[in-house]
C-alpha atoms as a PDB file:
ATOM      1  CA  MET A   1      -0.142   0.013   0.060  1.00  0.00           C
ATOM      2  CA  ALA A   2       2.898   2.289   0.087  1.00  0.00           C
ATOM      3  CA  ASN A   3       2.340   2.992  -4.300  1.00  0.00           C
ATOM      4  CA  PRO A   4       2.663   6.625  -4.800  1.00  0.00           C
ATOM      5  CA  GLU A   5      -0.087   6.236  -7.492  1.00  0.00           C
ATOM      6  CA  SER A   6      -2.493   5.182  -5.885  1.00  0.00           C
ATOM      7  CA  LYS A   7      -5.210   5.394  -3.560  1.00  0.00           C
ATOM      8  CA  TYR A   8      -6.912   2.267  -1.346  1.00  0.00           C
ATOM      9  CA  ARG A   9     -10.579   2.376   0.331  1.00  0.00           C
ATOM     10  CA  ILE A  10     -11.571   0.214   2.634  1.00  0.00           C
ATOM     11  CA  SER A  11     -15.434  -0.345   3.319  1.00  0.00           C
ATOM     12  CA  ASP A  12     -16.741  -2.868   5.091  1.00  0.00           C
ATOM     13  CA  ASN A  13     -13.440  -4.921   5.769  1.00  0.00           C
ATOM     14  CA  THR A  14     -12.620  -4.663   2.193  1.00  0.00           C
ATOM     15  CA  LEU A  15      -9.498  -3.127   0.581  1.00  0.00           C
ATOM     16  CA  TYR A  16     -10.637  -1.480  -2.970  1.00  0.00           C
ATOM     17  CA  THR A  17      -8.430   0.614  -5.580  1.00  0.00           C
ATOM     18  CA  ALA A  18      -9.035   1.909  -8.738  1.00  0.00           C
ATOM     19  CA  THR A  19      -7.955   0.676 -12.113  1.00  0.00           C
ATOM     20  CA  ASP A  20      -6.668   1.581 -15.686  1.00  0.00           C
ATOM     21  CA  LYS A  21      -9.913   1.219 -16.474  1.00  0.00           C
ATOM     22  CA  VAL A  22     -13.440   3.673 -15.993  1.00  0.00           C
ATOM     23  CA  GLY A  23     -15.994   2.575 -14.030  1.00  0.00           C
ATOM     24  CA  ILE A  24     -13.499  -0.837 -11.997  1.00  0.00           C
ATOM     25  CA  LYS A  25     -12.153  -1.358  -9.030  1.00  0.00           C
ATOM     26  CA  ALA A  26     -10.229  -3.619  -7.878  1.00  0.00           C
ATOM     27  CA  ILE A  27     -11.815  -5.865  -4.855  1.00  0.00           C
ATOM     28  CA  LEU A  28      -7.210  -6.576  -3.811  1.00  0.00           C
ATOM     29  CA  LEU A  29      -7.934  -8.286   0.096  1.00  0.00           C
ATOM     30  CA  LYS A  30     -11.259  -8.933   1.344  1.00  0.00           C
ATOM     31  CA  LEU A  31     -10.466  -9.435   5.856  1.00  0.00           C
ATOM     32  CA  PRO A  32     -12.265 -12.810   7.628  1.00  0.00           C
ATOM     33  CA  GLU A  33     -14.891 -10.649  10.339  1.00  0.00           C
ATOM     34  CA  ALA A  34     -12.405 -11.962  13.330  1.00  0.00           C
ATOM     35  CA  ILE A  35     -10.697  -9.333  11.320  1.00  0.00           C
ATOM     36  CA  SER A  36     -11.568  -5.422  11.553  1.00  0.00           C
ATOM     37  CA  LEU A  37     -10.810  -2.549   9.339  1.00  0.00           C
ATOM     38  CA  ASN A  38     -12.244   1.482  10.013  1.00  0.00           C
ATOM     39  CA  ASP A  39     -13.386   2.550   7.319  1.00  0.00           C
ATOM     40  CA  ASN A  40     -11.470   5.483   5.460  1.00  0.00           C
ATOM     41  CA  ASN A  41     -13.999   6.929   3.134  1.00  0.00           C
ATOM     42  CA  MET A  42     -10.574   7.193   0.143  1.00  0.00           C
ATOM     43  CA  ASN A  43     -12.151   9.040  -2.834  1.00  0.00           C
ATOM     44  CA  ILE A  44     -11.208   6.593  -5.501  1.00  0.00           C
ATOM     45  CA  GLY A  45     -13.485   7.827  -7.385  1.00  0.00           C
ATOM     46  CA  PHE A  46     -17.066   6.359  -9.399  1.00  0.00           C
ATOM     47  CA  CYS A  47     -16.298   2.830  -9.528  1.00  0.00           C
ATOM     48  CA  PRO A  48     -19.437   0.728  -9.675  1.00  0.00           C
ATOM     49  CA  VAL A  49     -18.148  -1.944 -11.161  1.00  0.00           C
ATOM     50  CA  ASN A  50     -15.390  -4.844  -8.946  1.00  0.00           C
ATOM     51  CA  LEU A  51     -12.912  -7.045 -10.375  1.00  0.00           C
ATOM     52  CA  TRP A  52     -11.964  -9.645  -7.677  1.00  0.00           C
ATOM     53  CA  ILE A  53      -8.808 -11.819  -9.104  1.00  0.00           C
ATOM     54  CA  GLY A  54      -7.813 -14.985  -6.359  1.00  0.00           C
ATOM     55  CA  ILE A  55      -8.855 -18.178  -5.121  1.00  0.00           C
ATOM     56  CA  ASP A  56     -10.801 -18.173  -1.445  1.00  0.00           C
ATOM     57  CA  ALA A  57     -13.540 -20.577  -0.920  1.00  0.00           C
ATOM     58  CA  SER A  58     -14.932 -18.638   1.860  1.00  0.00           C
ATOM     59  CA  ILE A  59     -16.254 -15.904   0.230  1.00  0.00           C
ATOM     60  CA  ASN A  60     -19.800 -16.369  -0.031  1.00  0.00           C
ATOM     61  CA  TRP A  61     -20.820 -13.921  -4.214  1.00  0.00           C
ATOM     62  CA  ALA A  62     -24.296 -15.385  -3.619  1.00  0.00           C
ATOM     63  CA  GLY A  63     -26.636 -12.195  -4.145  1.00  0.00           C
ATOM     64  CA  SER A  64     -23.827 -10.651  -6.302  1.00  0.00           C
ATOM     65  CA  LEU A  65     -23.843 -10.198 -10.243  1.00  0.00           C
ATOM     66  CA  TYR A  66     -20.235 -11.990 -10.566  1.00  0.00           C
ATOM     67  CA  PHE A  67     -19.307 -13.812 -13.751  1.00  0.00           C
ATOM     68  CA  ASN A  68     -15.474 -15.307 -15.074  1.00  0.00           C
ATOM     69  CA  ILE A  69     -13.449 -13.291 -17.805  1.00  0.00           C
ATOM     70  CA  PRO A  70     -13.106 -15.449 -20.797  1.00  0.00           C
ATOM     71  CA  ASP A  71      -9.452 -16.701 -21.193  1.00  0.00           C
ATOM     72  CA  SER A  72      -8.969 -13.926 -24.206  1.00  0.00           C
ATOM     73  CA  MET A  73     -10.348 -11.057 -22.801  1.00  0.00           C
ATOM     74  CA  ARG A  74      -8.211 -11.710 -19.950  1.00  0.00           C
ATOM     75  CA  PRO A  75      -4.584  -9.006 -20.598  1.00  0.00           C
ATOM     76  CA  SER A  76      -1.235 -11.427 -18.930  1.00  0.00           C
ATOM     77  CA  PRO A  77      -1.943 -15.251 -17.698  1.00  0.00           C
ATOM     78  CA  LEU A  78      -2.287 -15.308 -14.163  1.00  0.00           C
ATOM     79  CA  ASN A  79      -0.902 -18.680 -13.239  1.00  0.00           C
ATOM     80  CA  PHE A  80      -0.534 -19.556  -9.427  1.00  0.00           C
ATOM     81  CA  ILE A  81       2.406 -21.946  -8.955  1.00  0.00           C
ATOM     82  CA  PHE A  82       2.588 -24.240  -6.154  1.00  0.00           C
ATOM     83  CA  LYS A  83       5.625 -26.562  -5.912  1.00  0.00           C
ATOM     84  CA  ASP A  84       7.046 -28.653  -2.696  1.00  0.00           C
ATOM     85  CA  LEU A  85      10.861 -27.824  -1.745  1.00  0.00           C
ATOM     86  CA  THR A  86      10.549 -29.952   1.225  1.00  0.00           C
ATOM     87  CA  LYS A  87      11.098 -33.101   0.386  1.00  0.00           C
ATOM     88  CA  GLU A  88       7.276 -34.535   2.064  1.00  0.00           C
ATOM     89  CA  ASN A  89       5.677 -34.180  -1.455  1.00  0.00           C
ATOM     90  CA  ARG A  90       2.480 -31.607  -0.660  1.00  0.00           C
ATOM     91  CA  LYS A  91      -0.129 -31.075  -2.431  1.00  0.00           C
ATOM     92  CA  LEU A  92      -2.129 -27.620  -2.699  1.00  0.00           C
ATOM     93  CA  ASP A  93      -5.839 -28.161  -1.214  1.00  0.00           C
ATOM     94  CA  PHE A  94      -7.226 -24.570  -2.953  1.00  0.00           C
ATOM     95  CA  LYS A  95      -9.927 -25.282  -0.801  1.00  0.00           C
ATOM     96  CA  ASN A  96      -7.695 -24.197   2.183  1.00  0.00           C
ATOM     97  CA  VAL A  97      -5.948 -21.439   0.714  1.00  0.00           C
ATOM     98  CA  ARG A  98      -6.138 -17.611   0.012  1.00  0.00           C
ATOM     99  CA  PHE A  99      -4.456 -15.572  -2.861  1.00  0.00           C
ATOM    100  CA  ASN A 100      -5.723 -12.112  -4.114  1.00  0.00           C
ATOM    101  CA  ALA A 101      -3.949  -9.053  -5.100  1.00  0.00           C
ATOM    102  CA  PHE A 102      -2.713  -8.024  -1.671  1.00  0.00           C
ATOM    103  CA  ASP A 103      -1.001 -11.166  -2.466  1.00  0.00           C
ATOM    104  CA  PHE A 104       1.252  -9.809  -5.220  1.00  0.00           C
ATOM    105  CA  ASP A 105       2.117  -6.293  -6.727  1.00  0.00           C
ATOM    106  CA  ALA A 106      -0.421  -5.873  -8.908  1.00  0.00           C
ATOM    107  CA  TYR A 107      -1.648  -2.454  -7.933  1.00  0.00           C
END
């Protein structure tokens, strides 16, 4: 959150920032109810459309207008690669993964 060119809005335990597309804001981080952030009321412009990139089975998208962006419309591939560097031969279970735009330097 040290990017001097970005403004970050905190609202309802969710961190947002504007994207380079007019009317679209990115959801960077959606925190569980057990953690509480104070809303900062930062104005990031009129952005009625939310963009979320990540893996998080705990997020309930019910009641929202939700769709997957087709691969052909995505600007670049975002491949999540896991390689176990131990001798335990661990496998990644996506049900137990929380990964979002806050975990990498997208915004």
